[in-house]
Amino acid sequence: MFRFFSKQENRLEDLIYKYLENFQLICENFEKAVFSCIREPLCEEFNFLKEQTDKYESKADDIIDEINNLMYSKVLIPDSREDIMKLLHALDKIPGYLEIVLFMIKYQKLVIPEKFFKDIQELIKISLEACETLSKQVVGFIKKETGTRNFMNTIDKHESHCDYIEKRLIQKTFTSNIDPFVKLQLKELIICMGDISDQADRVSKMVNILSMKRMV
């Protein structure tokens, strides 16, 4: 699909890989932050890890801006530029969902009841596994490797599993005897957590389409 016509090709690829490395750091810090708040609600460790996640998210925005500036200096033909930027902006929605989850926990002062710990941890773990697989899929796509559909199938399975956990958690929330207002807060948090794997699945399908487009 891509027809590069300048020596800046390598710089573009390096920036995309740099973004993906930063993407992984965002996911890792997010996971540590959520798990720390489960162990000890509103602890200092959570605040530190949230700040670290925010820092990497800001860096990710800077990298995308740099990629955008580089590509519109005619590194790629117009159609290819549009495809790559759509992909990166779709991928960058995932850190946005992570940020919202941490924001809700911190500023709504959400304390997750112990009976939800196991399911929340499983939901986060599988969601981030989908994100890790997505990162590998994007690398494979950039390197023009095979196996894009296999990655997509794996992510689709993760998304389906997360959807099942999300529904189970919401059901458990509204059949529990916790405060009604807290129920609504937890429902909103659970739905936002579920958005992580949903977006990973959407981006994965986009990568698969772009991969097929390249072969036409």
Protein backbone atom coordinates (compact mmCIF):
# COMPACT_ATOMS: atom_id res chain seq x y z
CA MET A 1 0.00 0.00 0.00
CA PHE A 2 2.78 2.43 0.83
CA ARG A 3 4.93 4.06 -1.84
CA PHE A 4 7.70 5.89 -0.07
CA PHE A 5 9.74 8.30 -2.12
CA SER A 6 12.13 9.94 0.31
CA LYS A 7 14.85 8.99 2.74
CA GLN A 8 12.51 10.00 5.54
CA GLU A 9 10.80 6.59 5.35
CA ASN A 10 13.03 5.19 8.09
CA ARG A 11 12.31 8.19 10.29
CA LEU A 12 8.58 7.64 9.87
CA GLU A 13 8.82 3.97 10.80
CA ASP A 14 11.01 4.80 13.79
CA LEU A 15 8.42 7.27 15.04
CA ILE A 16 5.62 4.72 14.70
CA TYR A 17 7.66 2.17 16.67
CA LYS A 18 8.43 4.87 19.24
CA TYR A 19 4.72 5.56 19.58
CA LEU A 20 4.00 1.85 20.08
CA GLU A 21 6.71 1.57 22.76
CA ASN A 22 5.15 4.54 24.53
CA PHE A 23 1.71 2.95 24.08
CA GLN A 24 2.95 -0.11 25.97
CA LEU A 25 4.32 2.06 28.79
CA ILE A 26 0.92 3.74 29.11
CA CYS A 27 -0.77 0.33 29.39
CA GLU A 28 1.76 -0.96 31.94
CA ASN A 29 1.43 2.08 34.21
CA PHE A 30 -2.35 2.02 33.88
CA GLU A 31 -2.48 -1.62 34.98
CA LYS A 32 -0.23 -0.94 37.98
CA ALA A 33 -2.36 2.07 38.92
CA VAL A 34 -5.67 0.19 38.84
CA PHE A 35 -4.27 -2.77 40.75
CA SER A 36 -2.72 -0.47 43.36
CA CYS A 37 -6.07 1.22 44.02
CA ILE A 38 -7.69 -2.20 44.43
CA ARG A 39 -5.12 -3.12 47.08
CA GLU A 40 -5.28 0.24 48.83
CA PRO A 41 -7.94 2.75 47.68
CA LEU A 42 -6.77 6.30 46.95
CA CYS A 43 -3.17 5.52 47.93
CA GLU A 44 -0.09 7.59 47.04
CA GLU A 45 1.15 4.84 44.72
CA PHE A 46 -2.01 5.22 42.63
CA ASN A 47 -1.49 8.99 42.35
CA PHE A 48 2.11 8.53 41.26
CA LEU A 49 1.22 5.88 38.66
CA LYS A 50 -1.63 8.03 37.34
CA GLU A 51 0.81 10.91 36.88
CA GLN A 52 3.21 8.58 35.05
CA THR A 53 0.40 7.38 32.79
CA ASP A 54 -0.57 11.00 32.05
CA LYS A 55 3.06 11.79 31.23
CA TYR A 56 3.32 8.97 28.70
CA GLU A 57 -0.05 9.93 27.20
CA SER A 58 1.22 13.46 26.64
CA LYS A 59 4.36 12.08 25.03
CA ALA A 60 2.20 9.92 22.73
CA ASP A 61 0.37 13.04 21.54
CA ASP A 62 3.70 14.70 20.77
CA ILE A 63 4.85 11.70 18.74
CA ILE A 64 1.63 11.66 16.70
CA ASP A 65 2.05 15.38 15.99
CA GLU A 66 5.60 14.71 14.80
CA ILE A 67 4.41 11.84 12.58
CA ASN A 68 1.69 14.06 11.16
CA ASN A 69 4.15 16.85 10.34
CA LEU A 70 6.59 14.40 8.75
CA MET A 71 4.01 12.69 6.59
CA TYR A 72 2.50 15.89 5.29
CA SER A 73 5.95 16.93 4.13
CA LYS A 74 5.29 14.43 1.30
CA VAL A 75 6.86 11.31 2.82
CA LEU A 76 3.86 9.30 1.61
CA ILE A 77 1.36 9.58 -1.21
CA PRO A 78 -1.95 11.19 -0.04
CA ASP A 79 -4.00 7.98 0.30
CA SER A 80 -1.30 6.34 2.40
CA ARG A 81 -0.98 9.39 4.64
CA GLU A 82 -4.69 9.34 5.34
CA ASP A 83 -4.68 5.60 6.13
CA ILE A 84 -1.77 5.84 8.55
CA MET A 85 -3.15 8.87 10.39
CA LYS A 86 -6.61 7.28 10.71
CA LEU A 87 -4.96 4.19 12.15
CA LEU A 88 -2.86 6.13 14.65
CA HIS A 89 -5.75 8.33 15.78
CA ALA A 90 -7.95 5.24 16.25
CA LEU A 91 -5.17 3.55 18.23
CA ASP A 92 -4.66 6.69 20.32
CA LYS A 93 -8.26 6.53 21.53
CA ILE A 94 -7.24 3.62 23.77
CA PRO A 95 -4.96 5.72 26.03
CA GLY A 96 -7.90 8.14 26.21
CA TYR A 97 -10.10 5.42 27.71
CA LEU A 98 -7.34 4.50 30.16
CA GLU A 99 -7.09 8.13 31.22
CA ILE A 100 -10.85 8.34 31.80
CA VAL A 101 -10.80 5.23 34.02
CA LEU A 102 -8.02 6.64 36.20
CA PHE A 103 -9.72 10.06 36.27
CA MET A 104 -12.97 8.50 37.49
CA ILE A 105 -11.24 6.52 40.23
CA LYS A 106 -9.31 9.55 41.47
CA TYR A 107 -11.82 12.38 41.23
CA GLN A 108 -14.99 10.44 41.98
CA LYS A 109 -13.06 8.86 44.87
CA LEU A 110 -14.29 5.43 43.78
CA VAL A 111 -13.58 2.60 46.16
CA ILE A 112 -14.08 -0.74 44.39
CA PRO A 113 -15.84 -3.24 46.68
CA GLU A 114 -13.79 -6.35 47.43
CA LYS A 115 -16.40 -8.64 45.85
CA PHE A 116 -15.56 -7.04 42.47
CA PHE A 117 -11.76 -7.33 42.72
CA LYS A 118 -11.32 -10.59 40.85
CA ASP A 119 -13.60 -9.67 37.94
CA ILE A 120 -12.14 -6.16 37.59
CA GLN A 121 -8.60 -7.55 37.57
CA GLU A 122 -9.57 -10.13 34.94
CA LEU A 123 -11.28 -7.47 32.80
CA ILE A 124 -8.20 -5.21 32.92
CA LYS A 125 -5.76 -8.07 32.33
CA ILE A 126 -7.53 -9.38 29.22
CA SER A 127 -8.17 -5.87 27.87
CA LEU A 128 -4.46 -5.07 28.09
CA GLU A 129 -3.56 -8.42 26.53
CA ALA A 130 -5.72 -7.33 23.57
CA CYS A 131 -3.79 -4.03 23.46
CA GLU A 132 -0.45 -5.85 23.54
CA THR A 133 -1.54 -8.12 20.69
CA LEU A 134 -2.76 -5.08 18.77
CA SER A 135 0.65 -3.45 19.14
CA LYS A 136 2.27 -6.57 17.66
CA GLN A 137 -0.27 -6.57 14.84
CA VAL A 138 0.56 -2.96 13.95
CA VAL A 139 4.31 -3.72 13.98
CA GLY A 140 3.71 -6.70 11.70
CA PHE A 141 1.63 -4.53 9.39
CA ILE A 142 4.32 -1.85 9.14
CA LYS A 143 6.95 -4.51 8.46
CA LYS A 144 4.65 -6.09 5.86
CA GLU A 145 4.66 -9.43 7.66
CA THR A 146 1.95 -12.09 7.41
CA GLY A 147 -0.39 -13.09 10.23
CA THR A 148 -2.52 -9.94 10.47
CA ARG A 149 -5.75 -11.96 10.47
CA ASN A 150 -4.45 -14.28 13.21
CA PHE A 151 -3.80 -11.28 15.44
CA MET A 152 -7.29 -9.97 14.64
CA ASN A 153 -8.89 -13.29 15.60
CA THR A 154 -7.02 -13.34 18.92
CA ILE A 155 -8.09 -9.79 19.74
CA ASP A 156 -11.69 -10.60 18.77
CA LYS A 157 -11.67 -13.47 21.29
CA HIS A 158 -10.28 -11.16 23.98
CA GLU A 159 -12.99 -8.59 23.22
CA SER A 160 -15.74 -11.22 23.47
CA HIS A 161 -14.35 -12.43 26.81
CA CYS A 162 -14.20 -8.84 28.11
CA ASP A 163 -17.77 -8.25 26.98
CA TYR A 164 -18.87 -11.29 28.98
CA ILE A 165 -17.02 -10.08 32.11
CA GLU A 166 -18.43 -6.57 31.68
CA LYS A 167 -22.02 -7.84 31.58
CA ARG A 168 -21.36 -10.12 34.56
CA LEU A 169 -19.95 -7.21 36.54
CA ILE A 170 -22.88 -4.93 35.76
CA GLN A 171 -25.33 -7.66 36.77
CA LYS A 172 -23.39 -8.22 39.99
CA THR A 173 -23.39 -4.47 40.65
CA PHE A 174 -27.16 -4.07 40.45
CA THR A 175 -27.95 -7.22 42.44
CA SER A 176 -25.63 -6.14 45.27
CA ASN A 177 -26.68 -4.17 48.35
CA ILE A 178 -24.24 -1.30 47.88
CA ASP A 179 -25.36 2.34 47.81
CA PRO A 180 -27.48 3.13 44.67
CA PHE A 181 -25.28 6.09 43.74
CA VAL A 182 -22.14 3.92 43.99
CA LYS A 183 -23.88 1.38 41.73
CA LEU A 184 -24.19 4.03 39.03
CA GLN A 185 -20.56 5.06 39.48
CA LEU A 186 -19.39 1.47 39.21
CA LYS A 187 -21.53 0.85 36.14
CA GLU A 188 -19.97 3.85 34.40
CA LEU A 189 -16.47 2.68 35.38
CA ILE A 190 -17.09 -0.88 34.17
CA ILE A 191 -18.46 0.33 30.82
CA CYS A 192 -15.42 2.55 30.31
CA MET A 193 -13.13 -0.38 31.12
CA GLY A 194 -15.03 -2.42 28.55
CA ASP A 195 -14.41 0.30 25.94
CA ILE A 196 -10.69 -0.57 26.00
CA SER A 197 -11.06 -3.98 24.37
CA ASP A 198 -13.88 -2.71 22.13
CA GLN A 199 -11.56 -0.09 20.67
CA ALA A 200 -8.69 -2.57 20.36
CA ASP A 201 -11.00 -4.80 18.34
CA ARG A 202 -12.05 -1.92 16.08
CA VAL A 203 -8.44 -0.89 15.42
CA SER A 204 -7.43 -4.50 14.78
CA LYS A 205 -10.11 -4.85 12.11
CA MET A 206 -8.91 -1.58 10.59
CA VAL A 207 -5.35 -2.93 10.40
CA ASN A 208 -6.64 -6.07 8.70
CA ILE A 209 -8.51 -4.01 6.10
CA LEU A 210 -5.43 -1.87 5.43
CA SER A 211 -3.36 -5.01 5.06
CA MET A 212 -5.77 -6.37 2.45
CA LYS A 213 -5.86 -2.98 0.71
CA ARG A 214 -2.11 -3.07 0.36
CA MET A 215 -2.31 -6.36 -1.55
CA VAL A 216 -4.81 -5.03 -4.11
